[in-house]
């Protein structure tokens, strides 16, 4: 368990006196620290925001191309009928 904690940047940390004072074990301290780091990490939220912006831009482009395509199809049909 300690090796896993060290792999993720946690120290073995809690001593017997620390456990007696706080009531937390090494595992609880490790989990508390992991949750605190997860809550502070905003890189995933930023990536999601960029993904949503890209999706919105894509939807706008598709809408614009569909409108342009419909008008262009009407123009070519008109030219074909006049020939």
PDB file of N, CA and C in Angstrom:
ATOM      1  N   UNK A   1       0.828  -1.191   0.000  1.00  0.00           N
ATOM      2  CA  UNK A   1       0.000   0.000   0.000  1.00  0.00           C
ATOM      3  C   UNK A   1       0.870   1.252   0.000  1.00  0.00           C
ATOM      4  N   UNK A   2       1.955   1.229   0.737  1.00  0.00           N
ATOM      5  CA  UNK A   2       2.852   2.380   0.805  1.00  0.00           C
ATOM      6  C   UNK A   2       3.486   2.629  -0.553  1.00  0.00           C
ATOM      7  N   UNK A   3       3.861   1.538  -1.263  1.00  0.00           N
ATOM      8  CA  UNK A   3       4.458   1.685  -2.587  1.00  0.00           C
ATOM      9  C   UNK A   3       3.486   2.352  -3.548  1.00  0.00           C
ATOM     10  N   UNK A   4       2.212   2.014  -3.465  1.00  0.00           N
ATOM     11  CA  UNK A   4       1.212   2.639  -4.325  1.00  0.00           C
ATOM     12  C   UNK A   4       1.084   4.117  -3.975  1.00  0.00           C
ATOM     13  N   UNK A   5       1.068   4.433  -2.693  1.00  0.00           N
ATOM     14  CA  UNK A   5       0.987   5.825  -2.272  1.00  0.00           C
ATOM     15  C   UNK A   5       2.161   6.643  -2.765  1.00  0.00           C
ATOM     16  N   UNK A   6       3.351   6.083  -2.677  1.00  0.00           N
ATOM     17  CA  UNK A   6       4.553   6.789  -3.149  1.00  0.00           C
ATOM     18  C   UNK A   6       4.513   6.977  -4.656  1.00  0.00           C
ATOM     19  N   UNK A   7       3.951   6.002  -5.374  1.00  0.00           N
ATOM     20  CA  UNK A   7       3.852   6.090  -6.828  1.00  0.00           C
ATOM     21  C   UNK A   7       3.021   7.304  -7.233  1.00  0.00           C
ATOM     22  N   UNK A   8       2.009   7.647  -6.465  1.00  0.00           N
ATOM     23  CA  UNK A   8       1.151   8.775  -6.768  1.00  0.00           C
ATOM     24  C   UNK A   8       1.551  10.044  -6.025  1.00  0.00           C
ATOM     25  N   UNK A   9       2.715  10.044  -5.416  1.00  0.00           N
ATOM     26  CA  UNK A   9       3.244  11.242  -4.795  1.00  0.00           C
ATOM     27  C   UNK A   9       2.839  11.457  -3.349  1.00  0.00           C
ATOM     28  N   UNK A  10       2.416  10.417  -2.660  1.00  0.00           N
ATOM     29  CA  UNK A  10       2.047  10.540  -1.257  1.00  0.00           C
ATOM     30  C   UNK A  10       3.141   9.939  -0.399  1.00  0.00           C
ATOM     31  N   UNK A  11       3.321  10.497   0.782  1.00  0.00           N
ATOM     32  CA  UNK A  11       4.289   9.913   1.697  1.00  0.00           C
ATOM     33  C   UNK A  11       3.567   8.992   2.665  1.00  0.00           C
ATOM     34  N   UNK A  12       4.339   8.146   3.326  1.00  0.00           N
ATOM     35  CA  UNK A  12       3.747   7.228   4.293  1.00  0.00           C
ATOM     36  C   UNK A  12       3.129   8.020   5.427  1.00  0.00           C
ATOM     37  N   UNK A  13       3.688   9.170   5.735  1.00  0.00           N
ATOM     38  CA  UNK A  13       3.093  10.214   6.506  1.00  0.00           C
ATOM     39  C   UNK A  13       2.659  10.017   7.938  1.00  0.00           C
ATOM     40  N   UNK A  14       1.581   9.363   8.190  1.00  0.00           N
ATOM     41  CA  UNK A  14       0.963   9.382   9.515  1.00  0.00           C
ATOM     42  C   UNK A  14       1.750   8.541  10.505  1.00  0.00           C
ATOM     43  N   UNK A  15       1.979   9.134  11.648  1.00  0.00           N
ATOM     44  CA  UNK A  15       2.609   8.406  12.747  1.00  0.00           C
ATOM     45  C   UNK A  15       1.531   8.025  13.735  1.00  0.00           C
ATOM     46  N   UNK A  16       1.909   7.259  14.745  1.00  0.00           N
ATOM     47  CA  UNK A  16       0.940   6.845  15.756  1.00  0.00           C
ATOM     48  C   UNK A  16       0.377   8.059  16.477  1.00  0.00           C
ATOM     49  N   UNK A  17       1.233   9.060  16.753  1.00  0.00           N
ATOM     50  CA  UNK A  17       0.731  10.255  17.451  1.00  0.00           C
ATOM     51  C   UNK A  17      -0.193  11.060  16.550  1.00  0.00           C
ATOM     52  N   UNK A  18       0.127  11.119  15.250  1.00  0.00           N
ATOM     53  CA  UNK A  18      -0.725  11.836  14.306  1.00  0.00           C
ATOM     54  C   UNK A  18      -2.083  11.148  14.208  1.00  0.00           C
ATOM     55  N   UNK A  19      -2.092   9.817  14.141  1.00  0.00           N
ATOM     56  CA  UNK A  19      -3.344   9.069  14.085  1.00  0.00           C
ATOM     57  C   UNK A  19      -4.157   9.306  15.344  1.00  0.00           C
ATOM     58  N   UNK A  20      -3.490   9.363  16.481  1.00  0.00           N
ATOM     59  CA  UNK A  20      -4.198   9.595  17.732  1.00  0.00           C
ATOM     60  C   UNK A  20      -4.803  10.985  17.775  1.00  0.00           C
ATOM     61  N   UNK A  21      -4.099  11.980  17.205  1.00  0.00           N
ATOM     62  CA  UNK A  21      -4.602  13.352  17.231  1.00  0.00           C
ATOM     63  C   UNK A  21      -5.742  13.573  16.234  1.00  0.00           C
ATOM     64  N   UNK A  22      -5.614  13.041  15.031  1.00  0.00           N
ATOM     65  CA  UNK A  22      -6.603  13.316  13.981  1.00  0.00           C
ATOM     66  C   UNK A  22      -7.607  12.199  13.809  1.00  0.00           C
ATOM     67  N   UNK A  23      -7.267  10.990  14.233  1.00  0.00           N
ATOM     68  CA  UNK A  23      -8.160   9.860  14.050  1.00  0.00           C
ATOM     69  C   UNK A  23      -8.115   9.303  12.638  1.00  0.00           C
ATOM     70  N   UNK A  24      -7.161   9.750  11.823  1.00  0.00           N
ATOM     71  CA  UNK A  24      -7.065   9.292  10.440  1.00  0.00           C
ATOM     72  C   UNK A  24      -5.924   8.302  10.281  1.00  0.00           C
ATOM     73  N   UNK A  25      -6.132   7.263   9.519  1.00  0.00           N
ATOM     74  CA  UNK A  25      -5.086   6.294   9.225  1.00  0.00           C
ATOM     75  C   UNK A  25      -4.331   6.737   7.980  1.00  0.00           C
ATOM     76  N   UNK A  26      -3.274   6.015   7.638  1.00  0.00           N
ATOM     77  CA  UNK A  26      -2.511   6.320   6.424  1.00  0.00           C
ATOM     78  C   UNK A  26      -3.403   6.275   5.193  1.00  0.00           C
ATOM     79  N   UNK A  27      -4.244   5.263   5.096  1.00  0.00           N
ATOM     80  CA  UNK A  27      -5.122   5.125   3.941  1.00  0.00           C
ATOM     81  C   UNK A  27      -6.091   6.305   3.859  1.00  0.00           C
ATOM     82  N   UNK A  28      -6.639   6.702   4.984  1.00  0.00           N
ATOM     83  CA  UNK A  28      -7.569   7.827   4.992  1.00  0.00           C
ATOM     84  C   UNK A  28      -6.858   9.123   4.612  1.00  0.00           C
ATOM     85  N   UNK A  29      -5.635   9.303   5.107  1.00  0.00           N
ATOM     86  CA  UNK A  29      -4.861  10.489   4.735  1.00  0.00           C
ATOM     87  C   UNK A  29      -4.538  10.484   3.251  1.00  0.00           C
ATOM     88  N   UNK A  30      -4.186   9.326   2.739  1.00  0.00           N
ATOM     89  CA  UNK A  30      -3.880   9.196   1.319  1.00  0.00           C
ATOM     90  C   UNK A  30      -5.112   9.505   0.486  1.00  0.00           C
ATOM     91  N   UNK A  31      -6.246   8.953   0.842  1.00  0.00           N
ATOM     92  CA  UNK A  31      -7.481   9.184   0.095  1.00  0.00           C
ATOM     93  C   UNK A  31      -7.899  10.654   0.190  1.00  0.00           C
ATOM     94  N   UNK A  32      -7.753  11.252   1.366  1.00  0.00           N
ATOM     95  CA  UNK A  32      -8.093  12.661   1.539  1.00  0.00           C
ATOM     96  C   UNK A  32      -7.211  13.524   0.652  1.00  0.00           C
ATOM     97  N   UNK A  33      -5.924  13.220   0.622  1.00  0.00           N
ATOM     98  CA  UNK A  33      -4.998  13.973  -0.211  1.00  0.00           C
ATOM     99  C   UNK A  33      -5.316  13.781  -1.689  1.00  0.00           C
ATOM    100  N   UNK A  34      -5.642  12.564  -2.085  1.00  0.00           N
ATOM    101  CA  UNK A  34      -5.984  12.268  -3.481  1.00  0.00           C
ATOM    102  C   UNK A  34      -7.236  13.028  -3.897  1.00  0.00           C
ATOM    103  N   UNK A  35      -8.249  13.040  -3.056  1.00  0.00           N
ATOM    104  CA  UNK A  35      -9.493  13.751  -3.362  1.00  0.00           C
ATOM    105  C   UNK A  35      -9.234  15.250  -3.447  1.00  0.00           C
ATOM    106  N   UNK A  36      -8.408  15.779  -2.557  1.00  0.00           N
ATOM    107  CA  UNK A  36      -8.080  17.213  -2.580  1.00  0.00           C
ATOM    108  C   UNK A  36      -7.364  17.576  -3.876  1.00  0.00           C
ATOM    109  N   UNK A  37      -6.426  16.745  -4.302  1.00  0.00           N
ATOM    110  CA  UNK A  37      -5.718  16.998  -5.569  1.00  0.00           C
ATOM    111  C   UNK A  37      -6.670  16.919  -6.744  1.00  0.00           C
ATOM    112  N   UNK A  38      -7.603  15.966  -6.714  1.00  0.00           N
ATOM    113  CA  UNK A  38      -8.577  15.801  -7.799  1.00  0.00           C
ATOM    114  C   UNK A  38      -9.479  17.028  -7.902  1.00  0.00           C
ATOM    115  N   UNK A  39      -9.924  17.542  -6.779  1.00  0.00           N
ATOM    116  CA  UNK A  39     -10.822  18.698  -6.776  1.00  0.00           C
ATOM    117  C   UNK A  39     -10.099  19.946  -7.289  1.00  0.00           C
ATOM    118  N   UNK A  40      -8.813  20.089  -6.954  1.00  0.00           N
ATOM    119  CA  UNK A  40      -8.039  21.257  -7.386  1.00  0.00           C
ATOM    120  C   UNK A  40      -7.640  21.192  -8.853  1.00  0.00           C
ATOM    121  N   UNK A  41      -7.590  19.997  -9.434  1.00  0.00           N
ATOM    122  CA  UNK A  41      -7.138  19.827 -10.810  1.00  0.00           C
ATOM    123  C   UNK A  41      -8.215  20.308 -11.769  1.00  0.00           C
ATOM    124  N   UNK A  42      -7.893  21.306 -12.600  1.00  0.00           N
ATOM    125  CA  UNK A  42      -8.853  21.864 -13.534  1.00  0.00           C
ATOM    126  C   UNK A  42      -8.521  21.549 -14.982  1.00  0.00           C
ATOM    127  N   UNK A  43      -7.500  20.763 -15.250  1.00  0.00           N
ATOM    128  CA  UNK A  43      -7.115  20.505 -16.636  1.00  0.00           C
ATOM    129  C   UNK A  43      -8.185  19.718 -17.381  1.00  0.00           C
ATOM    130  N   UNK A  44      -8.863  18.823 -16.725  1.00  0.00           N
ATOM    131  CA  UNK A  44      -9.928  18.068 -17.382  1.00  0.00           C
ATOM    132  C   UNK A  44     -11.098  18.956 -17.739  1.00  0.00           C
ATOM    133  N   UNK A  45     -11.447  19.882 -16.854  1.00  0.00           N
ATOM    134  CA  UNK A  45     -12.546  20.811 -17.128  1.00  0.00           C
ATOM    135  C   UNK A  45     -12.216  21.697 -18.315  1.00  0.00           C
ATOM    136  N   UNK A  46     -10.975  22.141 -18.406  1.00  0.00           N
ATOM    137  CA  UNK A  46     -10.562  22.977 -19.526  1.00  0.00           C
ATOM    138  C   UNK A  46     -10.659  22.205 -20.834  1.00  0.00           C
ATOM    139  N   UNK A  47     -10.240  20.951 -20.832  1.00  0.00           N
ATOM    140  CA  UNK A  47     -10.324  20.132 -22.046  1.00  0.00           C
ATOM    141  C   UNK A  47     -11.773  19.940 -22.466  1.00  0.00           C
ATOM    142  N   UNK A  48     -12.660  19.747 -21.515  1.00  0.00           N
ATOM    143  CA  UNK A  48     -14.078  19.585 -21.830  1.00  0.00           C
ATOM    144  C   UNK A  48     -14.639  20.876 -22.416  1.00  0.00           C
ATOM    145  N   UNK A  49     -14.250  22.001 -21.862  1.00  0.00           N
ATOM    146  CA  UNK A  49     -14.716  23.293 -22.386  1.00  0.00           C
ATOM    147  C   UNK A  49     -14.261  23.492 -23.824  1.00  0.00           C
ATOM    148  N   UNK A  50     -13.000  23.187 -24.111  1.00  0.00           N
ATOM    149  CA  UNK A  50     -12.512  23.310 -25.486  1.00  0.00           C
ATOM    150  C   UNK A  50     -13.252  22.349 -26.410  1.00  0.00           C
ATOM    151  N   UNK A  51     -13.546  21.158 -25.929  1.00  0.00           N
ATOM    152  CA  UNK A  51     -14.304  20.194 -26.739  1.00  0.00           C
ATOM    153  C   UNK A  51     -15.708  20.701 -27.049  1.00  0.00           C
ATOM    154  N   UNK A  52     -16.367  21.303 -26.061  1.00  0.00           N
ATOM    155  CA  UNK A  52     -17.707  21.852 -26.292  1.00  0.00           C
ATOM    156  C   UNK A  52     -17.674  23.021 -27.274  1.00  0.00           C
ATOM    157  N   UNK A  53     -16.662  23.855 -27.166  1.00  0.00           N
ATOM    158  CA  UNK A  53     -16.525  24.971 -28.116  1.00  0.00           C
ATOM    159  C   UNK A  53     -16.310  24.448 -29.527  1.00  0.00           C
ATOM    160  N   UNK A  54     -15.452  23.444 -29.676  1.00  0.00           N
ATOM    161  CA  UNK A  54     -15.202  22.864 -30.998  1.00  0.00           C
ATOM    162  C   UNK A  54     -16.473  22.231 -31.568  1.00  0.00           C
ATOM    163  N   UNK A  55     -17.251  21.552 -30.729  1.00  0.00           N
ATOM    164  CA  UNK A  55     -18.496  20.943 -31.185  1.00  0.00           C
ATOM    165  C   UNK A  55     -19.488  22.014 -31.626  1.00  0.00           C
ATOM    166  N   UNK A  56     -19.573  23.107 -30.883  1.00  0.00           N
ATOM    167  CA  UNK A  56     -20.477  24.195 -31.243  1.00  0.00           C
ATOM    168  C   UNK A  56     -20.068  24.829 -32.570  1.00  0.00           C
ATOM    169  N   UNK A  57     -18.786  25.027 -32.763  1.00  0.00           N
ATOM    170  CA  UNK A  57     -18.300  25.580 -34.034  1.00  0.00           C
ATOM    171  C   UNK A  57     -18.631  24.615 -35.173  1.00  0.00           C
ATOM    172  N   UNK A  58     -18.462  23.318 -34.939  1.00  0.00           N
ATOM    173  CA  UNK A  58     -18.789  22.316 -35.960  1.00  0.00           C
ATOM    174  C   UNK A  58     -20.265  22.345 -36.333  1.00  0.00           C
ATOM    175  N   UNK A  59     -21.130  22.464 -35.335  1.00  0.00           N
ATOM    176  CA  UNK A  59     -22.575  22.527 -35.607  1.00  0.00           C
ATOM    177  C   UNK A  59     -22.908  23.778 -36.410  1.00  0.00           C
ATOM    178  N   UNK A  60     -22.287  24.902 -36.079  1.00  0.00           N
ATOM    179  CA  UNK A  60     -22.522  26.147 -36.823  1.00  0.00           C
ATOM    180  C   UNK A  60     -22.064  26.017 -38.276  1.00  0.00           C
ATOM    181  N   UNK A  61     -20.909  25.393 -38.485  1.00  0.00           N
ATOM    182  CA  UNK A  61     -20.394  25.206 -39.853  1.00  0.00           C
ATOM    183  C   UNK A  61     -21.326  24.296 -40.640  1.00  0.00           C
ATOM    184  N   UNK A  62     -21.786  23.207 -40.034  1.00  0.00           N
ATOM    185  CA  UNK A  62     -22.697  22.288 -40.728  1.00  0.00           C
ATOM    186  C   UNK A  62     -23.992  23.001 -41.096  1.00  0.00           C
ATOM    187  N   UNK A  63     -24.528  23.801 -40.168  1.00  0.00           N
ATOM    188  CA  UNK A  63     -25.747  24.554 -40.468  1.00  0.00           C
ATOM    189  C   UNK A  63     -25.557  25.533 -41.612  1.00  0.00           C
ATOM    190  N   UNK A  64     -24.429  26.234 -41.604  1.00  0.00           N
ATOM    191  CA  UNK A  64     -24.157  27.194 -42.678  1.00  0.00           C
ATOM    192  C   UNK A  64     -23.980  26.491 -44.016  1.00  0.00           C
ATOM    193  N   UNK A  65     -23.288  25.369 -44.041  1.00  0.00           N
ATOM    194  CA  UNK A  65     -23.089  24.640 -45.294  1.00  0.00           C
ATOM    195  C   UNK A  65     -24.389  24.053 -45.834  1.00  0.00           C
ATOM    196  N   UNK A  66     -25.255  23.587 -44.943  1.00  0.00           N
ATOM    197  CA  UNK A  66     -26.547  23.051 -45.393  1.00  0.00           C
ATOM    198  C   UNK A  66     -27.381  24.156 -46.035  1.00  0.00           C
ATOM    199  N   UNK A  67     -27.415  25.334 -45.411  1.00  0.00           N
ATOM    200  CA  UNK A  67     -28.186  26.453 -45.970  1.00  0.00           C
ATOM    201  C   UNK A  67     -27.613  26.880 -47.319  1.00  0.00           C
ATOM    202  N   UNK A  68     -26.295  26.976 -47.400  1.00  0.00           N
ATOM    203  CA  UNK A  68     -25.631  27.349 -48.647  1.00  0.00           C
ATOM    204  C   UNK A  68     -25.861  26.274 -49.703  1.00  0.00           C
ATOM    205  N   UNK A  69     -25.778  25.013 -49.324  1.00  0.00           N
ATOM    206  CA  UNK A  69     -25.985  23.907 -50.269  1.00  0.00           C
ATOM    207  C   UNK A  69     -27.385  23.897 -50.840  1.00  0.00           C
ATOM    208  N   UNK A  70     -28.384  24.191 -50.005  1.00  0.00           N
ATOM    209  CA  UNK A  70     -29.769  24.223 -50.481  1.00  0.00           C
ATOM    210  C   UNK A  70     -29.956  25.350 -51.490  1.00  0.00           C
ATOM    211  N   UNK A  71     -29.410  26.528 -51.198  1.00  0.00           N
ATOM    212  CA  UNK A  71     -29.507  27.652 -52.132  1.00  0.00           C
ATOM    213  C   UNK A  71     -28.757  27.363 -53.428  1.00  0.00           C
ATOM    214  N   UNK A  72     -27.577  26.755 -53.295  1.00  0.00           N
ATOM    215  CA  UNK A  72     -26.771  26.436 -54.473  1.00  0.00           C
ATOM    216  C   UNK A  72     -27.465  25.392 -55.340  1.00  0.00           C
ATOM    217  N   UNK A  73     -28.102  24.420 -54.716  1.00  0.00           N
ATOM    218  CA  UNK A  73     -28.842  23.401 -55.458  1.00  0.00           C
ATOM    219  C   UNK A  73     -29.995  24.044 -56.228  1.00  0.00           C
ATOM    220  N   UNK A  74     -30.685  24.981 -55.598  1.00  0.00           N
ATOM    221  CA  UNK A  74     -31.772  25.699 -56.280  1.00  0.00           C
ATOM    222  C   UNK A  74     -31.267  26.490 -57.467  1.00  0.00           C
ATOM    223  N   UNK A  75     -30.112  27.124 -57.328  1.00  0.00           N
ATOM    224  CA  UNK A  75     -29.520  27.902 -58.417  1.00  0.00           C
ATOM    225  C   UNK A  75     -29.162  27.000 -59.589  1.00  0.00           C
ATOM    226  N   UNK A  76     -28.521  25.858 -59.321  1.00  0.00           N
ATOM    227  CA  UNK A  76     -28.144  24.939 -60.400  1.00  0.00           C
ATOM    228  C   UNK A  76     -29.375  24.330 -61.069  1.00  0.00           C
ATOM    229  N   UNK A  77     -30.411  24.064 -60.303  1.00  0.00           N
ATOM    230  CA  UNK A  77     -31.648  23.538 -60.878  1.00  0.00           C
ATOM    231  C   UNK A  77     -32.277  24.582 -61.796  1.00  0.00           C
ATOM    232  N   UNK A  78     -32.256  25.835 -61.392  1.00  0.00           N
ATOM    233  CA  UNK A  78     -32.794  26.932 -62.219  1.00  0.00           C
ATOM    234  C   UNK A  78     -32.002  27.070 -63.516  1.00  0.00           C
ATOM    235  N   UNK A  79     -30.676  26.998 -63.420  1.00  0.00           N
ATOM    236  CA  UNK A  79     -29.824  27.099 -64.614  1.00  0.00           C
ATOM    237  C   UNK A  79     -30.096  25.906 -65.542  1.00  0.00           C
ATOM    238  N   UNK A  80     -30.234  24.729 -64.989  1.00  0.00           N
ATOM    239  CA  UNK A  80     -30.492  23.521 -65.788  1.00  0.00           C
ATOM    240  C   UNK A  80     -31.836  23.632 -66.521  1.00  0.00           C
ATOM    241  N   UNK A  81     -32.843  24.150 -65.861  1.00  0.00           N
ATOM    242  CA  UNK A  81     -34.164  24.283 -66.465  1.00  0.00           C
ATOM    243  C   UNK A  81     -34.151  25.325 -67.592  1.00  0.00           C
ATOM    244  N   UNK A  82     -33.345  26.347 -67.468  1.00  0.00           N
ATOM    245  CA  UNK A  82     -33.289  27.381 -68.486  1.00  0.00           C
ATOM    246  C   UNK A  82     -32.499  26.947 -69.717  1.00  0.00           C
ATOM    247  N   UNK A  83     -31.635  25.932 -69.548  1.00  0.00           N
ATOM    248  CA  UNK A  83     -30.869  25.433 -70.696  1.00  0.00           C
ATOM    249  C   UNK A  83     -31.768  24.542 -71.489  1.00  0.00           C
TER     250      UNK A  83
END
